[in-house]
N, C-alpha and C. Protein backbone atom coordinates (compact mmCIF):
# COMPACT_ATOMS: atom_id res chain seq x y z
N MET A 1 12.69 53.91 -39.54
CA MET A 1 12.41 53.32 -38.07
C MET A 1 13.21 54.30 -37.14
N SER A 2 12.28 54.67 -36.30
CA SER A 2 12.89 55.69 -35.38
C SER A 2 13.34 54.91 -34.14
N THR A 3 14.40 55.31 -33.49
CA THR A 3 14.87 54.92 -32.20
C THR A 3 14.83 55.88 -31.18
N TYR A 4 14.74 55.38 -29.88
CA TYR A 4 14.68 56.18 -28.77
C TYR A 4 15.75 55.86 -27.78
N ARG A 5 16.23 56.91 -27.28
CA ARG A 5 17.22 56.66 -26.13
C ARG A 5 16.56 56.81 -24.75
N ILE A 6 16.53 55.54 -24.09
CA ILE A 6 15.76 55.52 -22.74
C ILE A 6 16.56 56.20 -21.79
N PRO A 7 15.86 57.24 -21.17
CA PRO A 7 16.53 57.98 -20.07
C PRO A 7 16.76 57.15 -18.79
N PRO A 8 17.69 57.60 -17.97
CA PRO A 8 18.05 56.66 -16.64
C PRO A 8 16.79 56.56 -15.89
N SER A 9 15.92 57.68 -15.66
CA SER A 9 14.76 57.40 -14.82
C SER A 9 13.85 56.43 -15.42
N LEU A 10 13.63 56.32 -16.85
CA LEU A 10 12.65 55.28 -17.24
C LEU A 10 13.38 53.88 -17.14
N SER A 11 14.60 53.93 -17.33
CA SER A 11 15.28 52.58 -17.18
C SER A 11 15.18 52.10 -15.82
N TRP A 12 15.35 52.90 -14.80
CA TRP A 12 15.11 52.57 -13.32
C TRP A 12 13.77 52.14 -13.19
N LEU A 13 12.73 52.62 -13.78
CA LEU A 13 11.42 52.20 -13.57
C LEU A 13 11.09 50.91 -14.11
N ILE A 14 11.63 50.71 -15.51
CA ILE A 14 11.51 49.26 -16.09
C ILE A 14 11.98 48.30 -15.13
N ARG A 15 13.42 48.57 -14.84
CA ARG A 15 14.09 47.45 -14.10
C ARG A 15 13.32 47.19 -12.81
N ASN A 16 12.84 48.27 -12.10
CA ASN A 16 12.08 47.98 -10.75
C ASN A 16 10.80 47.32 -11.05
N ARG A 17 10.12 47.52 -12.17
CA ARG A 17 8.95 46.79 -12.58
C ARG A 17 9.29 45.42 -12.73
N ARG A 18 10.32 44.94 -13.30
CA ARG A 18 10.70 43.68 -13.51
C ARG A 18 10.94 42.88 -12.16
N VAL A 19 11.71 43.69 -11.39
CA VAL A 19 12.05 43.06 -10.10
C VAL A 19 10.73 42.81 -9.25
N ILE A 20 9.81 43.68 -9.23
CA ILE A 20 8.47 43.60 -8.60
C ILE A 20 7.66 42.49 -9.12
N THR A 21 7.60 42.35 -10.37
CA THR A 21 6.78 41.13 -10.96
C THR A 21 7.56 39.86 -10.69
N GLY A 22 8.81 39.79 -10.67
CA GLY A 22 9.55 38.63 -10.24
C GLY A 22 9.22 38.25 -8.76
N ARG A 23 9.28 39.24 -7.93
CA ARG A 23 8.96 39.01 -6.43
C ARG A 23 7.52 38.54 -6.32
N ILE A 24 6.56 39.06 -7.21
CA ILE A 24 5.20 38.69 -7.10
C ILE A 24 4.93 37.25 -7.43
N LYS A 25 5.69 36.89 -8.63
CA LYS A 25 5.74 35.35 -8.88
C LYS A 25 6.23 34.45 -7.91
N LEU A 26 7.40 34.88 -7.30
CA LEU A 26 8.05 34.18 -6.31
C LEU A 26 7.24 33.91 -5.07
N ALA A 27 6.53 35.23 -4.55
CA ALA A 27 5.58 35.08 -3.41
C ALA A 27 4.38 34.17 -3.74
N ALA A 28 3.99 34.19 -5.05
CA ALA A 28 2.89 33.44 -5.43
C ALA A 28 3.14 31.96 -5.41
N ASP A 29 4.31 31.54 -5.74
CA ASP A 29 4.85 30.16 -5.62
C ASP A 29 4.89 29.82 -4.18
N GLU A 30 5.36 30.64 -3.33
CA GLU A 30 5.72 30.31 -1.94
C GLU A 30 4.08 30.23 -1.37
N LYS A 31 3.13 30.95 -1.88
CA LYS A 31 1.70 30.82 -1.25
C LYS A 31 1.22 29.55 -1.57
N SER A 32 1.44 29.11 -2.86
CA SER A 32 0.87 27.90 -3.37
C SER A 32 1.33 26.66 -2.62
N LYS A 33 2.72 26.74 -2.27
CA LYS A 33 3.18 25.69 -1.39
C LYS A 33 2.72 25.56 0.09
N LEU A 34 2.50 26.87 0.66
CA LEU A 34 1.82 27.04 1.86
C LEU A 34 0.48 26.52 1.89
N GLU A 35 -0.23 26.82 0.84
CA GLU A 35 -1.73 26.36 0.81
C GLU A 35 -1.80 24.84 0.87
N ILE A 36 -0.69 24.19 0.15
CA ILE A 36 -0.76 22.82 0.21
C ILE A 36 -0.63 22.16 1.72
N HIS A 37 0.39 22.84 2.51
CA HIS A 37 0.62 22.45 3.64
C HIS A 37 -0.65 22.92 4.52
N LEU A 38 -1.24 23.90 4.30
CA LEU A 38 -2.44 24.22 5.02
C LEU A 38 -3.55 23.37 4.87
N GLN A 39 -3.77 22.78 3.58
CA GLN A 39 -4.69 21.77 3.29
C GLN A 39 -4.43 20.54 4.15
N LYS A 40 -3.08 20.01 4.01
CA LYS A 40 -2.76 18.91 5.02
C LYS A 40 -3.03 19.26 6.34
N ALA A 41 -2.78 20.50 6.79
CA ALA A 41 -2.95 20.66 8.29
C ALA A 41 -4.42 20.73 8.62
N ASN A 42 -5.31 21.12 7.71
CA ASN A 42 -6.70 21.04 8.01
C ASN A 42 -7.15 19.71 8.01
N LEU A 43 -6.59 18.72 7.13
CA LEU A 43 -6.93 17.36 7.07
C LEU A 43 -6.64 16.80 8.44
N PHE A 44 -5.35 17.03 8.94
CA PHE A 44 -4.87 16.41 10.25
C PHE A 44 -5.75 16.81 11.31
N ILE A 45 -6.12 18.17 11.35
CA ILE A 45 -7.07 18.85 12.42
C ILE A 45 -8.45 18.04 12.30
N HIS A 46 -8.93 17.78 11.09
CA HIS A 46 -10.23 17.00 11.03
C HIS A 46 -10.04 15.53 11.46
N GLN A 47 -8.92 14.85 11.22
CA GLN A 47 -8.77 13.59 11.64
C GLN A 47 -8.62 13.47 13.04
N HIS A 48 -7.92 14.48 13.76
CA HIS A 48 -7.78 14.58 15.21
C HIS A 48 -8.99 14.73 15.81
N GLU A 49 -9.97 15.55 15.19
CA GLU A 49 -11.30 15.73 15.85
C GLU A 49 -12.03 14.29 15.85
N LEU A 50 -11.96 13.67 14.54
CA LEU A 50 -12.56 12.35 14.49
C LEU A 50 -12.13 11.36 15.47
N ILE A 51 -10.88 11.35 15.70
CA ILE A 51 -10.21 10.32 16.50
C ILE A 51 -10.73 10.62 18.02
N SER A 52 -10.70 12.06 18.30
CA SER A 52 -11.11 12.57 19.66
C SER A 52 -12.46 12.02 19.84
N GLN A 53 -13.43 12.26 18.87
CA GLN A 53 -14.66 11.89 19.07
C GLN A 53 -14.96 10.23 19.29
N GLN A 54 -14.05 9.67 18.45
CA GLN A 54 -14.23 8.11 18.51
C GLN A 54 -13.66 7.59 20.00
N ILE A 55 -12.63 8.35 20.63
CA ILE A 55 -12.15 7.98 21.92
C ILE A 55 -13.31 8.12 22.95
N GLU A 56 -13.95 9.34 22.86
CA GLU A 56 -15.15 9.65 23.66
C GLU A 56 -16.16 8.51 23.75
N VAL A 57 -16.57 8.06 22.35
CA VAL A 57 -17.57 7.00 22.34
C VAL A 57 -17.04 5.78 22.87
N LEU A 58 -15.78 5.47 22.60
CA LEU A 58 -15.25 4.22 23.16
C LEU A 58 -15.19 4.16 24.80
N LYS A 59 -14.81 5.34 25.23
CA LYS A 59 -14.81 5.42 26.72
C LYS A 59 -16.23 5.18 27.35
N LYS A 60 -17.25 5.71 26.66
CA LYS A 60 -18.64 5.53 27.21
C LYS A 60 -19.03 3.97 27.06
N ASP A 61 -18.54 3.30 25.91
CA ASP A 61 -18.83 1.88 25.90
C ASP A 61 -18.16 1.28 26.95
N LEU A 62 -16.82 1.66 27.13
CA LEU A 62 -16.13 0.95 28.25
C LEU A 62 -16.68 1.14 29.56
N ALA A 63 -17.12 2.26 29.85
CA ALA A 63 -17.90 2.42 31.26
C ALA A 63 -19.04 1.61 31.32
N ALA A 64 -19.82 1.39 30.30
CA ALA A 64 -21.02 0.64 30.41
C ALA A 64 -20.60 -0.79 30.50
N ILE A 65 -19.63 -1.21 29.87
CA ILE A 65 -19.21 -2.73 30.13
C ILE A 65 -18.65 -2.93 31.59
N ASP A 66 -17.77 -1.95 32.10
CA ASP A 66 -17.47 -1.91 33.43
C ASP A 66 -18.68 -2.06 34.41
N ARG A 67 -19.69 -1.35 34.27
CA ARG A 67 -20.76 -1.31 35.10
C ARG A 67 -21.49 -2.74 34.95
N SER A 68 -21.62 -3.36 33.89
CA SER A 68 -22.20 -4.65 33.78
C SER A 68 -21.20 -5.78 34.44
N ILE A 69 -19.96 -5.61 34.38
CA ILE A 69 -19.12 -6.53 34.95
C ILE A 69 -19.16 -6.44 36.55
N SER A 70 -19.41 -5.31 36.91
CA SER A 70 -19.56 -5.04 38.38
C SER A 70 -20.63 -5.59 39.07
N LEU A 71 -21.81 -5.89 38.02
CA LEU A 71 -23.03 -6.38 38.79
C LEU A 71 -22.95 -8.02 38.90
N HIS A 72 -21.92 -8.64 38.17
CA HIS A 72 -21.80 -10.02 38.48
C HIS A 72 -21.18 -10.43 39.88
N GLU A 73 -21.46 -11.64 40.38
CA GLU A 73 -21.11 -11.98 41.71
C GLU A 73 -19.54 -12.22 41.69
N ILE A 74 -19.11 -12.53 40.65
CA ILE A 74 -17.58 -13.10 40.56
C ILE A 74 -16.78 -11.67 40.53
N PRO A 75 -15.94 -11.45 41.68
CA PRO A 75 -15.21 -10.15 41.65
C PRO A 75 -14.19 -10.10 40.46
N ILE A 76 -14.03 -9.03 39.62
CA ILE A 76 -13.01 -8.78 38.54
C ILE A 76 -12.24 -7.68 38.83
N ASP A 77 -11.00 -7.82 39.09
CA ASP A 77 -10.12 -6.65 39.09
C ASP A 77 -9.86 -6.08 37.65
N LEU A 78 -10.58 -5.07 37.15
CA LEU A 78 -10.39 -4.49 35.95
C LEU A 78 -9.16 -3.97 35.62
N THR A 79 -8.27 -3.53 36.55
CA THR A 79 -6.95 -2.99 36.42
C THR A 79 -6.09 -4.30 35.84
N GLN A 80 -6.41 -5.42 36.08
CA GLN A 80 -5.50 -6.65 35.70
C GLN A 80 -5.90 -7.12 34.39
N LEU A 81 -6.80 -6.74 33.85
CA LEU A 81 -7.31 -7.18 32.39
C LEU A 81 -6.43 -6.89 31.22
N GLY A 82 -5.80 -5.76 31.35
CA GLY A 82 -4.92 -5.45 30.25
C GLY A 82 -5.71 -4.93 29.10
N ASP A 83 -5.21 -4.89 27.92
CA ASP A 83 -5.90 -4.45 26.70
C ASP A 83 -5.61 -5.43 25.57
N LEU A 84 -6.42 -5.47 24.63
CA LEU A 84 -6.31 -6.32 23.35
C LEU A 84 -6.41 -5.30 22.15
N ARG A 85 -5.27 -4.98 21.53
CA ARG A 85 -5.40 -4.03 20.59
C ARG A 85 -5.67 -4.76 19.22
N PRO A 86 -6.62 -4.24 18.46
CA PRO A 86 -6.97 -4.89 17.13
C PRO A 86 -5.70 -4.63 16.18
N HIS A 87 -5.54 -5.53 15.21
CA HIS A 87 -4.56 -5.38 14.27
C HIS A 87 -4.72 -4.23 13.33
N LYS A 88 -3.77 -3.32 13.33
CA LYS A 88 -3.78 -2.10 12.35
C LYS A 88 -3.96 -2.49 10.83
N ASN A 89 -3.28 -3.48 10.41
CA ASN A 89 -3.50 -3.96 9.03
C ASN A 89 -4.23 -5.29 9.02
N PRO A 90 -5.47 -5.26 8.86
CA PRO A 90 -6.38 -6.40 8.92
C PRO A 90 -5.92 -7.39 7.76
N TYR A 91 -6.34 -8.66 7.90
CA TYR A 91 -6.00 -9.58 6.73
C TYR A 91 -6.59 -9.19 5.42
N LEU A 92 -5.83 -9.26 4.35
CA LEU A 92 -6.24 -8.93 3.07
C LEU A 92 -7.16 -9.91 2.46
N PHE A 93 -7.08 -11.33 2.95
CA PHE A 93 -7.79 -12.28 2.29
C PHE A 93 -8.46 -13.30 3.33
N LYS A 94 -9.44 -13.91 2.91
CA LYS A 94 -10.20 -14.87 3.79
C LYS A 94 -9.21 -16.12 3.79
N ARG A 95 -9.42 -17.01 4.78
CA ARG A 95 -8.57 -18.10 4.98
C ARG A 95 -8.60 -18.95 3.73
N GLY A 96 -7.39 -19.42 3.21
CA GLY A 96 -7.28 -20.27 2.12
C GLY A 96 -7.24 -19.61 0.84
N VAL A 97 -7.69 -18.39 0.63
CA VAL A 97 -7.77 -17.49 -0.62
C VAL A 97 -6.42 -17.21 -1.21
N LEU A 98 -5.60 -16.92 -0.41
CA LEU A 98 -4.20 -16.52 -0.93
C LEU A 98 -3.35 -17.76 -1.25
N THR A 99 -3.38 -18.81 -0.63
CA THR A 99 -2.89 -20.01 -1.07
C THR A 99 -3.44 -20.59 -2.36
N GLN A 100 -4.68 -20.59 -2.38
CA GLN A 100 -5.35 -20.96 -3.63
C GLN A 100 -4.84 -20.15 -4.85
N SER A 101 -4.91 -18.75 -4.56
CA SER A 101 -4.49 -17.90 -5.74
C SER A 101 -2.92 -18.17 -6.17
N ILE A 102 -2.12 -18.42 -5.20
CA ILE A 102 -0.75 -18.68 -5.46
C ILE A 102 -0.59 -19.93 -6.33
N PHE A 103 -1.21 -21.00 -6.02
CA PHE A 103 -1.08 -22.30 -6.77
C PHE A 103 -1.88 -22.04 -8.09
N SER A 104 -2.85 -21.21 -8.19
CA SER A 104 -3.40 -20.95 -9.49
C SER A 104 -2.42 -20.20 -10.38
N ALA A 105 -1.63 -19.33 -9.84
CA ALA A 105 -0.58 -18.77 -10.63
C ALA A 105 0.31 -19.79 -11.14
N PHE A 106 0.92 -20.72 -10.29
CA PHE A 106 1.65 -21.79 -10.77
C PHE A 106 1.05 -22.73 -11.88
N SER A 107 -0.29 -23.01 -11.72
CA SER A 107 -1.05 -23.81 -12.72
C SER A 107 -0.98 -23.07 -14.02
N PHE A 108 -1.25 -21.64 -13.96
CA PHE A 108 -1.36 -20.93 -15.27
C PHE A 108 -0.12 -20.87 -15.90
N ARG A 109 1.06 -20.74 -15.13
CA ARG A 109 2.33 -20.62 -15.70
C ARG A 109 3.21 -21.95 -15.21
N SER A 110 2.68 -23.15 -15.49
CA SER A 110 3.37 -24.32 -15.07
C SER A 110 4.69 -24.44 -15.61
N LYS A 111 5.64 -24.91 -14.88
CA LYS A 111 7.03 -25.18 -15.23
C LYS A 111 7.82 -23.92 -15.49
N VAL A 112 7.26 -22.89 -14.93
CA VAL A 112 7.90 -21.48 -15.20
C VAL A 112 8.22 -20.88 -13.80
N TRP A 113 9.34 -20.43 -13.62
CA TRP A 113 9.82 -19.88 -12.34
C TRP A 113 9.08 -18.36 -12.28
N LEU A 114 8.58 -18.06 -11.25
CA LEU A 114 7.82 -16.83 -11.12
C LEU A 114 8.55 -15.95 -10.06
N SER A 115 8.68 -14.70 -10.17
CA SER A 115 9.28 -13.89 -9.04
C SER A 115 8.11 -13.56 -8.15
N THR A 116 8.55 -12.92 -6.96
CA THR A 116 7.51 -12.73 -5.91
C THR A 116 6.66 -11.61 -6.55
N THR A 117 7.06 -10.57 -7.10
CA THR A 117 6.22 -9.55 -7.68
C THR A 117 5.32 -10.10 -8.73
N GLU A 118 5.80 -11.03 -9.55
CA GLU A 118 4.94 -11.68 -10.62
C GLU A 118 3.70 -12.40 -9.89
N VAL A 119 4.04 -13.19 -8.96
CA VAL A 119 2.88 -13.87 -8.18
C VAL A 119 1.98 -12.99 -7.58
N ALA A 120 2.47 -11.88 -7.01
CA ALA A 120 1.65 -10.74 -6.44
C ALA A 120 0.80 -10.19 -7.39
N VAL A 121 1.30 -9.81 -8.53
CA VAL A 121 0.42 -9.25 -9.57
C VAL A 121 -0.68 -10.20 -10.07
N TYR A 122 -0.41 -11.52 -10.07
CA TYR A 122 -1.27 -12.39 -10.50
C TYR A 122 -2.39 -12.58 -9.32
N VAL A 123 -1.94 -12.59 -8.11
CA VAL A 123 -2.90 -12.75 -6.99
C VAL A 123 -3.82 -11.54 -7.14
N LYS A 124 -3.24 -10.30 -7.26
CA LYS A 124 -3.93 -9.06 -7.24
C LYS A 124 -5.05 -9.17 -8.46
N SER A 125 -4.66 -9.66 -9.50
CA SER A 125 -5.48 -9.71 -10.68
C SER A 125 -6.72 -10.84 -10.45
N ILE A 126 -6.36 -11.89 -9.92
CA ILE A 126 -7.34 -12.99 -9.83
C ILE A 126 -8.33 -12.68 -8.73
N THR A 127 -7.75 -12.14 -7.60
CA THR A 127 -8.79 -11.99 -6.55
C THR A 127 -9.47 -10.43 -6.63
N ARG A 128 -8.96 -9.66 -7.63
CA ARG A 128 -9.55 -8.40 -7.91
C ARG A 128 -9.59 -7.58 -6.52
N ILE A 129 -8.42 -7.69 -5.83
CA ILE A 129 -8.46 -7.08 -4.50
C ILE A 129 -8.13 -5.50 -4.86
N ASN A 130 -8.88 -4.61 -4.23
CA ASN A 130 -8.96 -3.18 -4.59
C ASN A 130 -7.79 -2.51 -3.60
N ILE A 131 -6.64 -2.42 -4.15
CA ILE A 131 -5.49 -1.67 -3.51
C ILE A 131 -4.84 -0.72 -4.53
N ASN A 132 -4.13 0.20 -4.10
CA ASN A 132 -3.46 1.21 -5.04
C ASN A 132 -2.03 0.74 -5.05
N ASP A 133 -1.15 1.40 -5.68
CA ASP A 133 0.11 1.01 -6.09
C ASP A 133 0.96 1.01 -4.73
N GLU A 134 0.58 2.04 -3.83
CA GLU A 134 1.41 2.05 -2.54
C GLU A 134 1.19 0.92 -1.74
N ASN A 135 -0.05 0.37 -1.56
CA ASN A 135 -0.42 -0.81 -0.86
C ASN A 135 -0.01 -1.97 -1.51
N PHE A 136 0.39 -2.01 -2.84
CA PHE A 136 0.80 -3.10 -3.59
C PHE A 136 2.05 -3.65 -2.78
N ILE A 137 2.97 -2.84 -2.32
CA ILE A 137 4.17 -3.36 -1.56
C ILE A 137 3.69 -4.11 -0.45
N ASN A 138 2.63 -3.68 0.30
CA ASN A 138 2.20 -4.58 1.46
C ASN A 138 1.68 -5.93 0.96
N LEU A 139 0.99 -5.85 -0.13
CA LEU A 139 0.61 -7.15 -0.76
C LEU A 139 1.64 -8.19 -1.09
N ARG A 140 2.63 -7.52 -1.79
CA ARG A 140 3.90 -8.36 -2.12
C ARG A 140 4.50 -8.99 -0.89
N ASP A 141 4.48 -8.17 0.17
CA ASP A 141 5.16 -8.76 1.37
C ASP A 141 4.40 -9.96 1.88
N VAL A 142 3.09 -9.66 1.80
CA VAL A 142 2.20 -10.72 2.42
C VAL A 142 2.37 -12.05 1.52
N VAL A 143 2.34 -11.89 0.22
CA VAL A 143 2.59 -13.04 -0.66
C VAL A 143 3.95 -13.42 -0.46
N ARG A 144 4.97 -12.76 -0.36
CA ARG A 144 6.35 -13.37 -0.05
C ARG A 144 6.34 -14.24 1.22
N ASN A 145 5.81 -13.80 2.22
CA ASN A 145 5.62 -14.49 3.59
C ASN A 145 5.08 -15.86 3.38
N ARG A 146 3.97 -15.94 2.46
CA ARG A 146 3.27 -17.12 2.35
C ARG A 146 4.11 -18.13 1.42
N LEU A 147 4.78 -17.37 0.52
CA LEU A 147 5.58 -18.25 -0.35
C LEU A 147 6.77 -18.94 0.41
N ILE A 148 7.24 -18.15 1.40
CA ILE A 148 8.31 -18.77 2.27
C ILE A 148 7.78 -19.91 3.16
N GLY A 149 6.62 -19.70 3.53
CA GLY A 149 5.88 -20.83 4.16
C GLY A 149 5.63 -22.03 3.55
N LEU A 150 5.18 -21.83 2.17
CA LEU A 150 4.98 -22.94 1.42
C LEU A 150 6.19 -23.61 0.97
N ALA A 151 7.33 -22.96 0.89
CA ALA A 151 8.68 -23.44 0.51
C ALA A 151 9.19 -24.22 1.69
N TYR A 152 8.93 -23.74 2.81
CA TYR A 152 9.32 -24.60 4.12
C TYR A 152 8.48 -25.81 4.20
N GLN A 153 7.24 -25.80 3.83
CA GLN A 153 6.51 -27.12 3.91
C GLN A 153 6.84 -28.07 2.86
N GLY A 154 7.85 -27.67 1.94
CA GLY A 154 8.29 -28.44 0.77
C GLY A 154 7.26 -28.57 -0.34
N LYS A 155 6.34 -27.63 -0.67
CA LYS A 155 5.36 -27.47 -1.55
C LYS A 155 5.82 -26.85 -2.74
N ILE A 156 6.74 -25.77 -2.72
CA ILE A 156 7.27 -25.03 -3.88
C ILE A 156 8.78 -25.01 -3.49
N ASP A 157 9.42 -24.68 -4.87
CA ASP A 157 10.90 -24.61 -4.76
C ASP A 157 11.28 -23.15 -4.96
N ARG A 158 12.49 -22.67 -4.47
CA ARG A 158 12.90 -21.35 -4.60
C ARG A 158 14.24 -21.15 -5.19
N ILE A 159 14.34 -20.19 -5.98
CA ILE A 159 15.74 -19.78 -6.41
C ILE A 159 16.05 -18.41 -5.97
N ASN A 160 17.17 -18.41 -5.06
CA ASN A 160 17.64 -17.13 -4.69
C ASN A 160 18.25 -16.42 -5.83
N SER A 161 18.04 -15.05 -5.86
CA SER A 161 18.66 -14.28 -6.99
C SER A 161 20.23 -14.24 -6.86
N GLY A 162 20.63 -14.24 -5.62
CA GLY A 162 22.00 -14.07 -5.33
C GLY A 162 22.56 -12.79 -5.34
N LYS A 163 21.59 -11.81 -5.54
CA LYS A 163 21.97 -10.41 -5.55
C LYS A 163 21.22 -9.62 -4.41
N LEU A 164 21.84 -8.80 -3.72
CA LEU A 164 21.21 -7.99 -2.65
C LEU A 164 19.98 -7.23 -3.23
N HIS A 165 18.87 -7.24 -2.46
CA HIS A 165 17.63 -6.55 -2.81
C HIS A 165 17.01 -6.95 -4.04
N LYS A 166 17.47 -8.13 -4.65
CA LYS A 166 16.79 -8.59 -5.78
C LYS A 166 15.84 -9.91 -5.34
N GLU A 167 14.81 -10.02 -6.25
CA GLU A 167 13.83 -11.03 -5.66
C GLU A 167 14.38 -12.50 -6.19
N GLY A 168 13.74 -13.35 -5.31
CA GLY A 168 13.95 -14.77 -5.59
C GLY A 168 12.81 -15.14 -6.55
N PHE A 169 12.91 -16.42 -7.23
CA PHE A 169 12.01 -16.94 -8.05
C PHE A 169 11.40 -18.19 -7.48
N TRP A 170 10.13 -18.66 -7.82
CA TRP A 170 9.45 -19.54 -7.28
C TRP A 170 8.72 -20.50 -8.30
N ARG A 171 8.50 -21.79 -7.99
CA ARG A 171 7.61 -22.59 -8.71
C ARG A 171 7.27 -23.74 -7.92
N GLN A 172 6.04 -24.33 -8.36
CA GLN A 172 5.46 -25.43 -7.61
C GLN A 172 6.36 -26.67 -7.72
N LYS A 173 6.66 -27.43 -6.84
CA LYS A 173 7.39 -28.76 -6.74
C LYS A 173 6.73 -29.66 -7.84
N PRO A 174 7.41 -30.26 -8.76
CA PRO A 174 6.95 -31.22 -9.55
C PRO A 174 6.28 -32.48 -9.00
N SER A 175 6.79 -32.74 -7.80
CA SER A 175 6.37 -33.89 -7.02
C SER A 175 5.13 -33.51 -6.06
N PHE A 176 4.82 -32.27 -5.98
CA PHE A 176 3.73 -31.95 -5.21
C PHE A 176 2.40 -31.71 -5.89
N ARG A 177 1.41 -32.32 -5.50
CA ARG A 177 0.10 -32.20 -6.24
C ARG A 177 -0.95 -31.51 -5.32
N VAL A 178 -1.53 -30.54 -5.65
CA VAL A 178 -2.49 -29.93 -4.76
C VAL A 178 -3.65 -30.73 -4.79
N GLY A 179 -4.24 -30.87 -3.45
CA GLY A 179 -5.38 -31.70 -3.13
C GLY A 179 -6.64 -31.41 -3.75
N ILE A 180 -6.91 -30.06 -4.10
CA ILE A 180 -8.15 -29.53 -4.81
C ILE A 180 -7.67 -28.84 -6.04
N THR A 181 -8.50 -28.68 -6.94
CA THR A 181 -8.20 -28.17 -8.30
C THR A 181 -8.36 -26.73 -8.31
N TYR A 182 -7.32 -26.01 -8.55
CA TYR A 182 -7.30 -24.60 -8.86
C TYR A 182 -7.45 -24.11 -10.19
N SER A 183 -8.46 -23.32 -10.44
CA SER A 183 -8.63 -22.76 -11.85
C SER A 183 -7.44 -21.83 -12.10
N ALA A 184 -6.97 -21.93 -13.29
CA ALA A 184 -5.86 -21.03 -13.70
C ALA A 184 -6.62 -19.77 -14.46
N ILE A 185 -6.70 -18.82 -14.05
CA ILE A 185 -7.29 -17.67 -14.52
C ILE A 185 -6.16 -16.63 -15.07
N PRO A 186 -6.25 -16.51 -16.41
CA PRO A 186 -5.13 -15.48 -16.87
C PRO A 186 -5.20 -14.12 -16.36
N LEU A 187 -4.10 -13.28 -16.29
CA LEU A 187 -4.19 -12.03 -15.91
C LEU A 187 -4.93 -11.16 -16.78
N GLU A 188 -5.66 -10.14 -16.25
CA GLU A 188 -6.51 -9.26 -16.90
C GLU A 188 -5.74 -8.60 -18.05
N ASP A 189 -6.17 -8.56 -19.31
CA ASP A 189 -5.42 -8.05 -20.37
C ASP A 189 -5.28 -6.52 -20.23
N ASP A 190 -6.41 -5.86 -19.52
CA ASP A 190 -6.16 -4.43 -19.35
C ASP A 190 -5.27 -4.03 -18.38
N TYR A 191 -4.90 -4.93 -17.33
CA TYR A 191 -4.08 -4.69 -16.37
C TYR A 191 -2.65 -4.85 -16.92
N LEU A 192 -2.45 -5.94 -17.63
CA LEU A 192 -1.09 -6.13 -18.18
C LEU A 192 -0.69 -5.10 -19.42
N ALA A 193 -1.75 -4.53 -19.93
CA ALA A 193 -1.53 -3.52 -21.07
C ALA A 193 -1.12 -2.26 -20.21
N SER A 194 -1.64 -2.02 -19.07
CA SER A 194 -1.30 -0.72 -18.38
C SER A 194 0.14 -0.97 -17.37
N ASN A 195 0.55 -2.10 -17.44
CA ASN A 195 1.56 -2.49 -16.60
C ASN A 195 2.55 -3.51 -17.28
N PRO A 196 3.04 -3.11 -18.36
CA PRO A 196 3.71 -4.06 -19.28
C PRO A 196 5.03 -4.62 -18.46
N GLU A 197 5.61 -3.82 -17.53
CA GLU A 197 6.84 -4.37 -16.86
C GLU A 197 6.46 -5.47 -15.87
N LYS A 198 5.10 -5.73 -15.68
CA LYS A 198 4.83 -6.73 -14.73
C LYS A 198 4.30 -8.06 -15.35
N THR A 199 4.53 -8.19 -16.60
CA THR A 199 4.01 -9.45 -17.39
C THR A 199 5.02 -10.65 -16.89
N LEU A 200 4.25 -11.66 -16.72
CA LEU A 200 4.95 -12.84 -16.18
C LEU A 200 5.96 -13.29 -17.16
N THR A 201 7.23 -13.48 -16.56
CA THR A 201 8.31 -13.96 -17.28
C THR A 201 9.08 -15.00 -16.46
N SER A 202 9.96 -15.76 -17.17
CA SER A 202 10.79 -16.64 -16.53
C SER A 202 12.03 -16.04 -16.14
N PRO A 203 12.99 -16.45 -15.19
CA PRO A 203 14.20 -15.85 -14.70
C PRO A 203 15.24 -16.04 -15.85
N LYS A 204 16.09 -15.22 -16.09
CA LYS A 204 17.22 -15.32 -16.87
C LYS A 204 18.25 -16.25 -16.37
């Protein structure tokens, strides 16, 4: 087996080649990161253009309404009307659906204390509302607010966890009977299979 002594000139070339390939990979990584930001920037630009077009359309609608108002005999000072801004987060459920789903959860798991998250999981399953994991936090807040309201009305009981940032547990008051029958629909097996940590349990 023959061995070769690498001359300094070749050693210098090898080292510089390794340095250059390393710099190429480093630059490629930086380029990939910049491309992600560029994609986001293009998305923001597109959204900005859409919103600008929407504003122009709304301004034309506003001008048409103002002309119609001016044709009426009753004088209206348009500057005094103010504005009515639509809710950025529209209601998730029709009237009564959320309350019905909550009591259905209590019927399904009678005499068991349920956490806010467990009730929210059940509500999501029974209503088949189409939300992602990020929006589930919003759903849980909506469910929590309704649970607080029902507790204030004396329809359900609450156990505070006693720990900061920990959930309370809820159950229907034994003395309270719902005026209408709520069907107890089990959680979807496929959802629980993919979310085992959200299986309904009683508090420890």
